[in-house]
Amino acid sequence: GDVPATYANTDALRFWVGFVPATPIKDGIARFVAWYRD
């Protein structure tokens, strides 16, 4: 049921609402770990 890879083309979302996700993985994980510890 699993797949080896996922990769999103986000051109349509950018065109529709002028936004696409961009948080670097290192920053996001650091914020999760800080929450987990707390």
Full PDB file with SEQRES, HELIX, SHEET, SSBOND, CRYST1, ORIGX, SCALE, CONECT and MASTER records, all heavy atoms in Angstrom:
SEQRES   1 A   38  GLY ASP VAL PRO ALA THR TYR ALA ASN THR ASP ALA LEU          
SEQRES   2 A   38  ARG PHE TRP VAL GLY PHE VAL PRO ALA THR PRO ILE LYS          
SEQRES   3 A   38  ASP GLY ILE ALA ARG PHE VAL ALA TRP TYR ARG ASP              
HELIX    1 AA1 ASP A   11  VAL A   17  1                                   7    
HELIX    2 AA2 ILE A   25  ARG A   37  1                                  13    
CRYST1    1.000    1.000    1.000  90.00  90.00  90.00 P 1           1          
ORIGX1      1.000000  0.000000  0.000000        0.00000                         
ORIGX2      0.000000  1.000000  0.000000        0.00000                         
ORIGX3      0.000000  0.000000  1.000000        0.00000                         
SCALE1      1.000000  0.000000  0.000000        0.00000                         
SCALE2      0.000000  1.000000  0.000000        0.00000                         
SCALE3      0.000000  0.000000  1.000000        0.00000                         
ATOM      1  N   GLY A   1       0.785  -1.220   0.000  1.00  0.00           N  
ATOM      2  CA  GLY A   1       0.000   0.000   0.000  1.00  0.00           C  
ATOM      3  C   GLY A   1       0.816   1.267   0.000  1.00  0.00           C  
ATOM      4  O   GLY A   1       0.279   2.362  -0.180  1.00  0.00           O  
ATOM      5  N   ASP A   2       2.145   1.153   0.209  1.00  0.00           N  
ATOM      6  CA  ASP A   2       3.003   2.330   0.261  1.00  0.00           C  
ATOM      7  C   ASP A   2       3.611   2.593  -1.114  1.00  0.00           C  
ATOM      8  O   ASP A   2       3.618   1.727  -1.991  1.00  0.00           O  
ATOM      9  CB  ASP A   2       4.108   2.122   1.298  1.00  0.00           C  
ATOM     10  CG  ASP A   2       4.446   3.404   2.045  1.00  0.00           C  
ATOM     11  OD1 ASP A   2       4.086   4.487   1.541  1.00  0.00           O  
ATOM     12  OD2 ASP A   2       5.062   3.313   3.119  1.00  0.00           O  
ATOM     13  N   VAL A   3       4.143   3.790  -1.310  1.00  0.00           N  
ATOM     14  CA  VAL A   3       4.809   4.143  -2.564  1.00  0.00           C  
ATOM     15  C   VAL A   3       6.202   4.670  -2.238  1.00  0.00           C  
ATOM     16  O   VAL A   3       6.419   5.246  -1.171  1.00  0.00           O  
ATOM     17  CB  VAL A   3       4.004   5.198  -3.356  1.00  0.00           C  
ATOM     18  CG1 VAL A   3       2.659   4.631  -3.781  1.00  0.00           C  
ATOM     19  CG2 VAL A   3       3.816   6.475  -2.550  1.00  0.00           C  
ATOM     20  N   PRO A   4       7.172   4.485  -3.157  1.00  0.00           N  
ATOM     21  CA  PRO A   4       8.550   4.894  -2.858  1.00  0.00           C  
ATOM     22  C   PRO A   4       8.755   6.401  -2.786  1.00  0.00           C  
ATOM     23  O   PRO A   4       9.638   6.868  -2.081  1.00  0.00           O  
ATOM     24  CB  PRO A   4       9.346   4.296  -4.027  1.00  0.00           C  
ATOM     25  CG  PRO A   4       8.463   3.270  -4.640  1.00  0.00           C  
ATOM     26  CD  PRO A   4       7.075   3.734  -4.414  1.00  0.00           C  
ATOM     27  N   ALA A   5       7.954   7.168  -3.544  1.00  0.00           N  
ATOM     28  CA  ALA A   5       8.215   8.602  -3.611  1.00  0.00           C  
ATOM     29  C   ALA A   5       6.947   9.401  -3.865  1.00  0.00           C  
ATOM     30  O   ALA A   5       6.009   8.924  -4.517  1.00  0.00           O  
ATOM     31  CB  ALA A   5       9.227   8.900  -4.718  1.00  0.00           C  
ATOM     32  N   THR A   6       6.918  10.619  -3.334  1.00  0.00           N  
ATOM     33  CA  THR A   6       5.883  11.595  -3.674  1.00  0.00           C  
ATOM     34  C   THR A   6       6.559  12.934  -3.959  1.00  0.00           C  
ATOM     35  O   THR A   6       7.582  13.263  -3.361  1.00  0.00           O  
ATOM     36  CB  THR A   6       4.845  11.782  -2.543  1.00  0.00           C  
ATOM     37  OG1 THR A   6       5.485  12.304  -1.375  1.00  0.00           O  
ATOM     38  CG2 THR A   6       4.158  10.460  -2.218  1.00  0.00           C  
ATOM     39  N   TYR A   7       5.960  13.692  -4.876  1.00  0.00           N  
ATOM     40  CA  TYR A   7       6.564  14.960  -5.307  1.00  0.00           C  
ATOM     41  C   TYR A   7       5.452  15.769  -5.962  1.00  0.00           C  
ATOM     42  O   TYR A   7       4.908  15.379  -6.991  1.00  0.00           O  
ATOM     43  CB  TYR A   7       7.707  14.645  -6.278  1.00  0.00           C  
ATOM     44  CG  TYR A   7       8.460  15.819  -6.882  1.00  0.00           C  
ATOM     45  CD1 TYR A   7       8.256  17.138  -6.475  1.00  0.00           C  
ATOM     46  CD2 TYR A   7       9.409  15.589  -7.872  1.00  0.00           C  
ATOM     47  CE1 TYR A   7       8.962  18.187  -7.037  1.00  0.00           C  
ATOM     48  CE2 TYR A   7      10.130  16.628  -8.441  1.00  0.00           C  
ATOM     49  CZ  TYR A   7       9.897  17.922  -8.025  1.00  0.00           C  
ATOM     50  OH  TYR A   7      10.605  18.955  -8.585  1.00  0.00           O  
ATOM     51  N   ALA A   8       5.130  16.909  -5.363  1.00  0.00           N  
ATOM     52  CA  ALA A   8       3.980  17.695  -5.810  1.00  0.00           C  
ATOM     53  C   ALA A   8       4.369  18.765  -6.828  1.00  0.00           C  
ATOM     54  O   ALA A   8       5.257  19.584  -6.580  1.00  0.00           O  
ATOM     55  CB  ALA A   8       3.314  18.376  -4.612  1.00  0.00           C  
ATOM     56  N   ASN A   9       3.692  18.767  -7.969  1.00  0.00           N  
ATOM     57  CA  ASN A   9       3.704  19.923  -8.855  1.00  0.00           C  
ATOM     58  C   ASN A   9       2.674  20.908  -8.293  1.00  0.00           C  
ATOM     59  O   ASN A   9       1.493  20.571  -8.173  1.00  0.00           O  
ATOM     60  CB  ASN A   9       3.327  19.501 -10.279  1.00  0.00           C  
ATOM     61  CG  ASN A   9       3.321  20.662 -11.254  1.00  0.00           C  
ATOM     62  OD1 ASN A   9       2.865  21.750 -10.950  1.00  0.00           O  
ATOM     63  ND2 ASN A   9       3.796  20.412 -12.458  1.00  0.00           N  
ATOM     64  N   THR A  10       3.092  22.106  -7.937  1.00  0.00           N  
ATOM     65  CA  THR A  10       2.205  23.069  -7.276  1.00  0.00           C  
ATOM     66  C   THR A  10       1.910  24.292  -8.144  1.00  0.00           C  
ATOM     67  O   THR A  10       1.450  25.322  -7.654  1.00  0.00           O  
ATOM     68  CB  THR A  10       2.813  23.528  -5.934  1.00  0.00           C  
ATOM     69  OG1 THR A  10       4.148  24.004  -6.162  1.00  0.00           O  
ATOM     70  CG2 THR A  10       2.849  22.374  -4.936  1.00  0.00           C  
ATOM     71  N   ASP A  11       2.135  24.176  -9.454  1.00  0.00           N  
ATOM     72  CA  ASP A  11       1.903  25.313 -10.354  1.00  0.00           C  
ATOM     73  C   ASP A  11       0.446  25.767 -10.315  1.00  0.00           C  
ATOM     74  O   ASP A  11       0.162  26.971 -10.325  1.00  0.00           O  
ATOM     75  CB  ASP A  11       2.277  24.946 -11.791  1.00  0.00           C  
ATOM     76  CG  ASP A  11       3.776  24.756 -11.981  1.00  0.00           C  
ATOM     77  OD1 ASP A  11       4.545  25.158 -11.074  1.00  0.00           O  
ATOM     78  OD2 ASP A  11       4.177  24.184 -13.021  1.00  0.00           O  
ATOM     79  N   ALA A  12      -0.485  24.816 -10.293  1.00  0.00           N  
ATOM     80  CA  ALA A  12      -1.910  25.174 -10.334  1.00  0.00           C  
ATOM     81  C   ALA A  12      -2.328  25.937  -9.081  1.00  0.00           C  
ATOM     82  O   ALA A  12      -3.076  26.921  -9.156  1.00  0.00           O  
ATOM     83  CB  ALA A  12      -2.767  23.919 -10.508  1.00  0.00           C  
ATOM     84  N   LEU A  13      -1.839  25.501  -7.920  1.00  0.00           N  
ATOM     85  CA  LEU A  13      -2.167  26.188  -6.672  1.00  0.00           C  
ATOM     86  C   LEU A  13      -1.601  27.606  -6.677  1.00  0.00           C  
ATOM     87  O   LEU A  13      -2.283  28.560  -6.277  1.00  0.00           O  
ATOM     88  CB  LEU A  13      -1.615  25.408  -5.485  1.00  0.00           C  
ATOM     89  CG  LEU A  13      -1.933  25.981  -4.103  1.00  0.00           C  
ATOM     90  CD1 LEU A  13      -3.409  25.833  -3.781  1.00  0.00           C  
ATOM     91  CD2 LEU A  13      -1.100  25.287  -3.020  1.00  0.00           C  
ATOM     92  N   ARG A  14      -0.366  27.762  -7.156  1.00  0.00           N  
ATOM     93  CA  ARG A  14       0.257  29.095  -7.210  1.00  0.00           C  
ATOM     94  C   ARG A  14      -0.545  30.015  -8.123  1.00  0.00           C  
ATOM     95  O   ARG A  14      -0.792  31.187  -7.797  1.00  0.00           O  
ATOM     96  CB  ARG A  14       1.695  28.988  -7.706  1.00  0.00           C  
ATOM     97  CG  ARG A  14       2.381  30.350  -7.812  1.00  0.00           C  
ATOM     98  CD  ARG A  14       3.764  30.277  -8.424  1.00  0.00           C  
ATOM     99  NE  ARG A  14       4.753  29.719  -7.526  1.00  0.00           N  
ATOM    100  CZ  ARG A  14       5.294  28.527  -7.644  1.00  0.00           C  
ATOM    101  NH1 ARG A  14       4.917  27.738  -8.651  1.00  0.00           N  
ATOM    102  NH2 ARG A  14       6.184  28.087  -6.788  1.00  0.00           N  
ATOM    103  N   PHE A  15      -0.977  29.505  -9.238  1.00  0.00           N  
ATOM    104  CA  PHE A  15      -1.762  30.312 -10.172  1.00  0.00           C  
ATOM    105  C   PHE A  15      -3.099  30.706  -9.565  1.00  0.00           C  
ATOM    106  O   PHE A  15      -3.566  31.838  -9.742  1.00  0.00           O  
ATOM    107  CB  PHE A  15      -1.991  29.527 -11.473  1.00  0.00           C  
ATOM    108  CG  PHE A  15      -2.897  30.226 -12.451  1.00  0.00           C  
ATOM    109  CD1 PHE A  15      -2.406  31.242 -13.260  1.00  0.00           C  
ATOM    110  CD2 PHE A  15      -4.243  29.878 -12.554  1.00  0.00           C  
ATOM    111  CE1 PHE A  15      -3.245  31.900 -14.160  1.00  0.00           C  
ATOM    112  CE2 PHE A  15      -5.087  30.533 -13.444  1.00  0.00           C  
ATOM    113  CZ  PHE A  15      -4.585  31.537 -14.253  1.00  0.00           C  
ATOM    114  N   TRP A  16      -3.723  29.792  -8.818  1.00  0.00           N  
ATOM    115  CA  TRP A  16      -5.081  30.016  -8.300  1.00  0.00           C  
ATOM    116  C   TRP A  16      -5.104  30.975  -7.115  1.00  0.00           C  
ATOM    117  O   TRP A  16      -5.955  31.856  -7.048  1.00  0.00           O  
ATOM    118  CB  TRP A  16      -5.694  28.671  -7.926  1.00  0.00           C  
ATOM    119  CG  TRP A  16      -7.161  28.708  -7.585  1.00  0.00           C  
ATOM    120  CD1 TRP A  16      -7.735  28.497  -6.365  1.00  0.00           C  
ATOM    121  CD2 TRP A  16      -8.248  28.941  -8.485  1.00  0.00           C  
ATOM    122  NE1 TRP A  16      -9.104  28.593  -6.446  1.00  0.00           N  
ATOM    123  CE2 TRP A  16      -9.448  28.865  -7.743  1.00  0.00           C  
ATOM    124  CE3 TRP A  16      -8.323  29.215  -9.861  1.00  0.00           C  
ATOM    125  CZ2 TRP A  16     -10.706  29.056  -8.308  1.00  0.00           C  
ATOM    126  CZ3 TRP A  16      -9.583  29.408 -10.432  1.00  0.00           C  
ATOM    127  CH2 TRP A  16     -10.744  29.325  -9.665  1.00  0.00           C  
ATOM    128  N   VAL A  17      -4.173  30.818  -6.170  1.00  0.00           N  
ATOM    129  CA  VAL A  17      -4.219  31.633  -4.942  1.00  0.00           C  
ATOM    130  C   VAL A  17      -2.919  32.370  -4.640  1.00  0.00           C  
ATOM    131  O   VAL A  17      -2.797  33.022  -3.607  1.00  0.00           O  
ATOM    132  CB  VAL A  17      -4.620  30.776  -3.712  1.00  0.00           C  
ATOM    133  CG1 VAL A  17      -6.031  30.249  -3.864  1.00  0.00           C  
ATOM    134  CG2 VAL A  17      -3.631  29.639  -3.473  1.00  0.00           C  
ATOM    135  N   GLY A  18      -1.924  32.260  -5.511  1.00  0.00           N  
ATOM    136  CA  GLY A  18      -0.685  33.007  -5.304  1.00  0.00           C  
ATOM    137  C   GLY A  18       0.140  32.544  -4.131  1.00  0.00           C  
ATOM    138  O   GLY A  18       0.876  33.318  -3.515  1.00  0.00           O  
ATOM    139  N   PHE A  19       0.053  31.253  -3.811  1.00  0.00           N  
ATOM    140  CA  PHE A  19       0.786  30.732  -2.660  1.00  0.00           C  
ATOM    141  C   PHE A  19       1.150  29.280  -2.887  1.00  0.00           C  
ATOM    142  O   PHE A  19       0.365  28.510  -3.445  1.00  0.00           O  
ATOM    143  CB  PHE A  19      -0.071  30.836  -1.395  1.00  0.00           C  
ATOM    144  CG  PHE A  19       0.523  30.113  -0.202  1.00  0.00           C  
ATOM    145  CD1 PHE A  19       1.539  30.692   0.530  1.00  0.00           C  
ATOM    146  CD2 PHE A  19       0.077  28.850   0.162  1.00  0.00           C  
ATOM    147  CE1 PHE A  19       2.101  30.021   1.618  1.00  0.00           C  
ATOM    148  CE2 PHE A  19       0.625  28.174   1.241  1.00  0.00           C  
ATOM    149  CZ  PHE A  19       1.633  28.771   1.969  1.00  0.00           C  
ATOM    150  N   VAL A  20       2.341  28.903  -2.430  1.00  0.00           N  
ATOM    151  CA  VAL A  20       2.717  27.494  -2.337  1.00  0.00           C  
ATOM    152  C   VAL A  20       3.528  27.297  -1.060  1.00  0.00           C  
ATOM    153  O   VAL A  20       4.219  28.214  -0.604  1.00  0.00           O  
ATOM    154  CB  VAL A  20       3.544  26.996  -3.549  1.00  0.00           C  
ATOM    155  CG1 VAL A  20       2.708  26.986  -4.815  1.00  0.00           C  
ATOM    156  CG2 VAL A  20       4.797  27.835  -3.740  1.00  0.00           C  
ATOM    157  N   PRO A  21       3.448  26.126  -0.437  1.00  0.00           N  
ATOM    158  CA  PRO A  21       4.246  25.850   0.767  1.00  0.00           C  
ATOM    159  C   PRO A  21       5.739  25.985   0.487  1.00  0.00           C  
ATOM    160  O   PRO A  21       6.201  25.710  -0.615  1.00  0.00           O  
ATOM    161  CB  PRO A  21       3.880  24.404   1.099  1.00  0.00           C  
ATOM    162  CG  PRO A  21       2.503  24.227   0.530  1.00  0.00           C  
ATOM    163  CD  PRO A  21       2.521  25.026  -0.745  1.00  0.00           C  
ATOM    164  N   ALA A  22       6.489  26.398   1.523  1.00  0.00           N  
ATOM    165  CA  ALA A  22       7.932  26.577   1.319  1.00  0.00           C  
ATOM    166  C   ALA A  22       8.746  26.426   2.598  1.00  0.00           C  
ATOM    167  O   ALA A  22       9.944  26.726   2.588  1.00  0.00           O  
ATOM    168  CB  ALA A  22       8.201  27.954   0.702  1.00  0.00           C  
ATOM    169  N   THR A  23       8.162  25.989   3.716  1.00  0.00           N  
ATOM    170  CA  THR A  23       8.920  25.860   4.956  1.00  0.00           C  
ATOM    171  C   THR A  23      10.000  24.783   4.805  1.00  0.00           C  
ATOM    172  O   THR A  23       9.689  23.634   4.481  1.00  0.00           O  
ATOM    173  CB  THR A  23       7.988  25.500   6.131  1.00  0.00           C  
ATOM    174  OG1 THR A  23       7.020  26.529   6.289  1.00  0.00           O  
ATOM    175  CG2 THR A  23       8.772  25.335   7.422  1.00  0.00           C  
ATOM    176  N   PRO A  24      11.276  25.123   5.035  1.00  0.00           N  
ATOM    177  CA  PRO A  24      12.341  24.116   4.925  1.00  0.00           C  
ATOM    178  C   PRO A  24      12.138  22.991   5.944  1.00  0.00           C  
ATOM    179  O   PRO A  24      11.696  23.231   7.072  1.00  0.00           O  
ATOM    180  CB  PRO A  24      13.616  24.905   5.232  1.00  0.00           C  
ATOM    181  CG  PRO A  24      13.254  26.333   4.981  1.00  0.00           C  
ATOM    182  CD  PRO A  24      11.814  26.457   5.349  1.00  0.00           C  
ATOM    183  N   ILE A  25      12.476  21.775   5.548  1.00  0.00           N  
ATOM    184  CA  ILE A  25      12.250  20.611   6.400  1.00  0.00           C  
ATOM    185  C   ILE A  25      12.997  20.735   7.732  1.00  0.00           C  
ATOM    186  O   ILE A  25      12.473  20.363   8.794  1.00  0.00           O  
ATOM    187  CB  ILE A  25      12.644  19.303   5.666  1.00  0.00           C  
ATOM    188  CG1 ILE A  25      12.151  18.075   6.431  1.00  0.00           C  
ATOM    189  CG2 ILE A  25      14.135  19.241   5.408  1.00  0.00           C  
ATOM    190  CD1 ILE A  25      10.666  17.863   6.348  1.00  0.00           C  
ATOM    191  N   LYS A  26      14.189  21.290   7.704  1.00  0.00           N  
ATOM    192  CA  LYS A  26      14.969  21.437   8.935  1.00  0.00           C  
ATOM    193  C   LYS A  26      14.252  22.339   9.939  1.00  0.00           C  
ATOM    194  O   LYS A  26      14.190  22.041  11.141  1.00  0.00           O  
ATOM    195  CB  LYS A  26      16.352  22.002   8.612  1.00  0.00           C  
ATOM    196  CG  LYS A  26      17.294  22.092   9.803  1.00  0.00           C  
ATOM    197  CD  LYS A  26      18.674  22.563   9.363  1.00  0.00           C  
ATOM    198  CE  LYS A  26      19.624  22.684  10.542  1.00  0.00           C  
ATOM    199  NZ  LYS A  26      20.977  23.126  10.120  1.00  0.00           N  
ATOM    200  N   ASP A  27      13.672  23.425   9.460  1.00  0.00           N  
ATOM    201  CA  ASP A  27      12.953  24.356  10.340  1.00  0.00           C  
ATOM    202  C   ASP A  27      11.685  23.713  10.892  1.00  0.00           C  
ATOM    203  O   ASP A  27      11.367  23.843  12.076  1.00  0.00           O  
ATOM    204  CB  ASP A  27      12.594  25.633   9.585  1.00  0.00           C  
ATOM    205  CG  ASP A  27      13.812  26.438   9.173  1.00  0.00           C  
ATOM    206  OD1 ASP A  27      14.927  26.107   9.615  1.00  0.00           O  
ATOM    207  OD2 ASP A  27      13.646  27.396   8.389  1.00  0.00           O  
ATOM    208  N   GLY A  28      10.946  23.031  10.016  1.00  0.00           N  
ATOM    209  CA  GLY A  28       9.699  22.410  10.444  1.00  0.00           C  
ATOM    210  C   GLY A  28       9.915  21.323  11.478  1.00  0.00           C  
ATOM    211  O   GLY A  28       9.172  21.228  12.464  1.00  0.00           O  
ATOM    212  N   ILE A  29      10.945  20.505  11.284  1.00  0.00           N  
ATOM    213  CA  ILE A  29      11.242  19.443  12.242  1.00  0.00           C  
ATOM    214  C   ILE A  29      11.678  20.033  13.576  1.00  0.00           C  
ATOM    215  O   ILE A  29      11.274  19.544  14.647  1.00  0.00           O  
ATOM    216  CB  ILE A  29      12.304  18.480  11.678  1.00  0.00           C  
ATOM    217  CG1 ILE A  29      11.678  17.605  10.581  1.00  0.00           C  
ATOM    218  CG2 ILE A  29      12.911  17.607  12.784  1.00  0.00           C  
ATOM    219  CD1 ILE A  29      12.648  16.682   9.880  1.00  0.00           C  
ATOM    220  N   ALA A  30      12.486  21.084  13.547  1.00  0.00           N  
ATOM    221  CA  ALA A  30      12.915  21.726  14.796  1.00  0.00           C  
ATOM    222  C   ALA A  30      11.711  22.232  15.583  1.00  0.00           C  
ATOM    223  O   ALA A  30      11.672  22.121  16.821  1.00  0.00           O  
ATOM    224  CB  ALA A  30      13.877  22.867  14.488  1.00  0.00           C  
ATOM    225  N   ARG A  31      10.719  22.775  14.880  1.00  0.00           N  
ATOM    226  CA  ARG A  31       9.516  23.273  15.559  1.00  0.00           C  
ATOM    227  C   ARG A  31       8.694  22.120  16.129  1.00  0.00           C  
ATOM    228  O   ARG A  31       8.123  22.231  17.216  1.00  0.00           O  
ATOM    229  CB  ARG A  31       8.693  24.120  14.591  1.00  0.00           C  
ATOM    230  CG  ARG A  31       9.371  25.445  14.267  1.00  0.00           C  
ATOM    231  CD  ARG A  31       8.701  26.200  13.151  1.00  0.00           C  
ATOM    232  NE  ARG A  31       7.358  26.641  13.532  1.00  0.00           N  
ATOM    233  CZ  ARG A  31       6.560  27.346  12.721  1.00  0.00           C  
ATOM    234  NH1 ARG A  31       6.989  27.698  11.512  1.00  0.00           N  
ATOM    235  NH2 ARG A  31       5.364  27.713  13.124  1.00  0.00           N  
ATOM    236  N   PHE A  32       8.648  20.992  15.423  1.00  0.00           N  
ATOM    237  CA  PHE A  32       7.939  19.832  15.965  1.00  0.00           C  
ATOM    238  C   PHE A  32       8.637  19.308  17.211  1.00  0.00           C  
ATOM    239  O   PHE A  32       7.982  19.010  18.223  1.00  0.00           O  
ATOM    240  CB  PHE A  32       7.840  18.703  14.934  1.00  0.00           C  
ATOM    241  CG  PHE A  32       7.305  17.427  15.542  1.00  0.00           C  
ATOM    242  CD1 PHE A  32       5.946  17.231  15.719  1.00  0.00           C  
ATOM    243  CD2 PHE A  32       8.175  16.428  15.987  1.00  0.00           C  
ATOM    244  CE1 PHE A  32       5.457  16.073  16.310  1.00  0.00           C  
ATOM    245  CE2 PHE A  32       7.695  15.269  16.581  1.00  0.00           C  
ATOM    246  CZ  PHE A  32       6.328  15.097  16.737  1.00  0.00           C  
ATOM    247  N   VAL A  33       9.948  19.158  17.154  1.00  0.00           N  
ATOM    248  CA  VAL A  33      10.705  18.617  18.286  1.00  0.00           C  
ATOM    249  C   VAL A  33      10.552  19.525  19.509  1.00  0.00           C  
ATOM    250  O   VAL A  33      10.401  19.043  20.641  1.00  0.00           O  
ATOM    251  CB  VAL A  33      12.184  18.403  17.911  1.00  0.00           C  
ATOM    252  CG1 VAL A  33      13.030  18.130  19.151  1.00  0.00           C  
ATOM    253  CG2 VAL A  33      12.324  17.247  16.910  1.00  0.00           C  
ATOM    254  N   ALA A  34      10.570  20.844  19.297  1.00  0.00           N  
ATOM    255  CA  ALA A  34      10.372  21.777  20.414  1.00  0.00           C  
ATOM    256  C   ALA A  34       9.000  21.569  21.042  1.00  0.00           C  
ATOM    257  O   ALA A  34       8.860  21.568  22.276  1.00  0.00           O  
ATOM    258  CB  ALA A  34      10.538  23.213  19.931  1.00  0.00           C  
ATOM    259  N   TRP A  35       7.977  21.394  20.190  1.00  0.00           N  
ATOM    260  CA  TRP A  35       6.629  21.121  20.713  1.00  0.00           C  
ATOM    261  C   TRP A  35       6.606  19.799  21.463  1.00  0.00           C  
ATOM    262  O   TRP A  35       6.042  19.709  22.556  1.00  0.00           O  
ATOM    263  CB  TRP A  35       5.597  21.080  19.580  1.00  0.00           C  
ATOM    264  CG  TRP A  35       4.292  20.505  20.045  1.00  0.00           C  
ATOM    265  CD1 TRP A  35       3.301  21.169  20.713  1.00  0.00           C  
ATOM    266  CD2 TRP A  35       3.854  19.141  19.936  1.00  0.00           C  
ATOM    267  NE1 TRP A  35       2.261  20.306  21.032  1.00  0.00           N  
ATOM    268  CE2 TRP A  35       2.580  19.067  20.571  1.00  0.00           C  
ATOM    269  CE3 TRP A  35       4.401  17.986  19.388  1.00  0.00           C  
ATOM    270  CZ2 TRP A  35       1.871  17.858  20.650  1.00  0.00           C  
ATOM    271  CZ3 TRP A  35       3.696  16.806  19.456  1.00  0.00           C  
ATOM    272  CH2 TRP A  35       2.438  16.741  20.083  1.00  0.00           C  
ATOM    273  N   TYR A  36       7.204  18.755  20.891  1.00  0.00           N  
ATOM    274  CA  TYR A  36       7.181  17.411  21.500  1.00  0.00           C  
ATOM    275  C   TYR A  36       7.817  17.446  22.894  1.00  0.00           C  
ATOM    276  O   TYR A  36       7.264  16.885  23.848  1.00  0.00           O  
ATOM    277  CB  TYR A  36       7.928  16.434  20.597  1.00  0.00           C  
ATOM    278  CG  TYR A  36       7.893  15.010  21.067  1.00  0.00           C  
ATOM    279  CD1 TYR A  36       6.910  14.130  20.614  1.00  0.00           C  
ATOM    280  CD2 TYR A  36       8.843  14.516  21.962  1.00  0.00           C  
ATOM    281  CE1 TYR A  36       6.877  12.806  21.055  1.00  0.00           C  
ATOM    282  CE2 TYR A  36       8.810  13.210  22.411  1.00  0.00           C  
ATOM    283  CZ  TYR A  36       7.817  12.350  21.950  1.00  0.00           C  
ATOM    284  OH  TYR A  36       7.774  11.061  22.380  1.00  0.00           O  
ATOM    285  N   ARG A  37       8.955  18.113  22.994  1.00  0.00           N  
ATOM    286  CA  ARG A  37       9.638  18.185  24.297  1.00  0.00           C  
ATOM    287  C   ARG A  37       8.775  18.916  25.329  1.00  0.00           C  
ATOM    288  O   ARG A  37       8.707  18.518  26.498  1.00  0.00           O  
ATOM    289  CB  ARG A  37      10.978  18.906  24.148  1.00  0.00           C  
ATOM    290  CG  ARG A  37      12.066  18.116  23.429  1.00  0.00           C  
ATOM    291  CD  ARG A  37      13.369  18.910  23.457  1.00  0.00           C  
ATOM    292  NE  ARG A  37      14.444  18.290  22.717  1.00  0.00           N  
ATOM    293  CZ  ARG A  37      15.243  17.325  23.200  1.00  0.00           C  
ATOM    294  NH1 ARG A  37      15.037  16.879  24.415  1.00  0.00           N  
ATOM    295  NH2 ARG A  37      16.222  16.832  22.463  1.00  0.00           N  
ATOM    296  N   ASP A  38       8.123  19.969  24.884  1.00  0.00           N  
ATOM    297  CA  ASP A  38       7.286  20.738  25.802  1.00  0.00           C  
ATOM    298  C   ASP A  38       6.026  19.963  26.184  1.00  0.00           C  
ATOM    299  O   ASP A  38       5.640  19.926  27.374  1.00  0.00           O  
ATOM    300  CB  ASP A  38       6.901  22.063  25.147  1.00  0.00           C  
ATOM    301  CG  ASP A  38       5.983  22.894  26.043  1.00  0.00           C  
ATOM    302  OD1 ASP A  38       6.443  23.350  27.100  1.00  0.00           O  
ATOM    303  OD2 ASP A  38       4.801  23.078  25.671  1.00  0.00           O  
TER     304      ASP A  38                                                      
MASTER        0    0    0    2    0    0    0    6  303    1    0    3          
END                                                                             
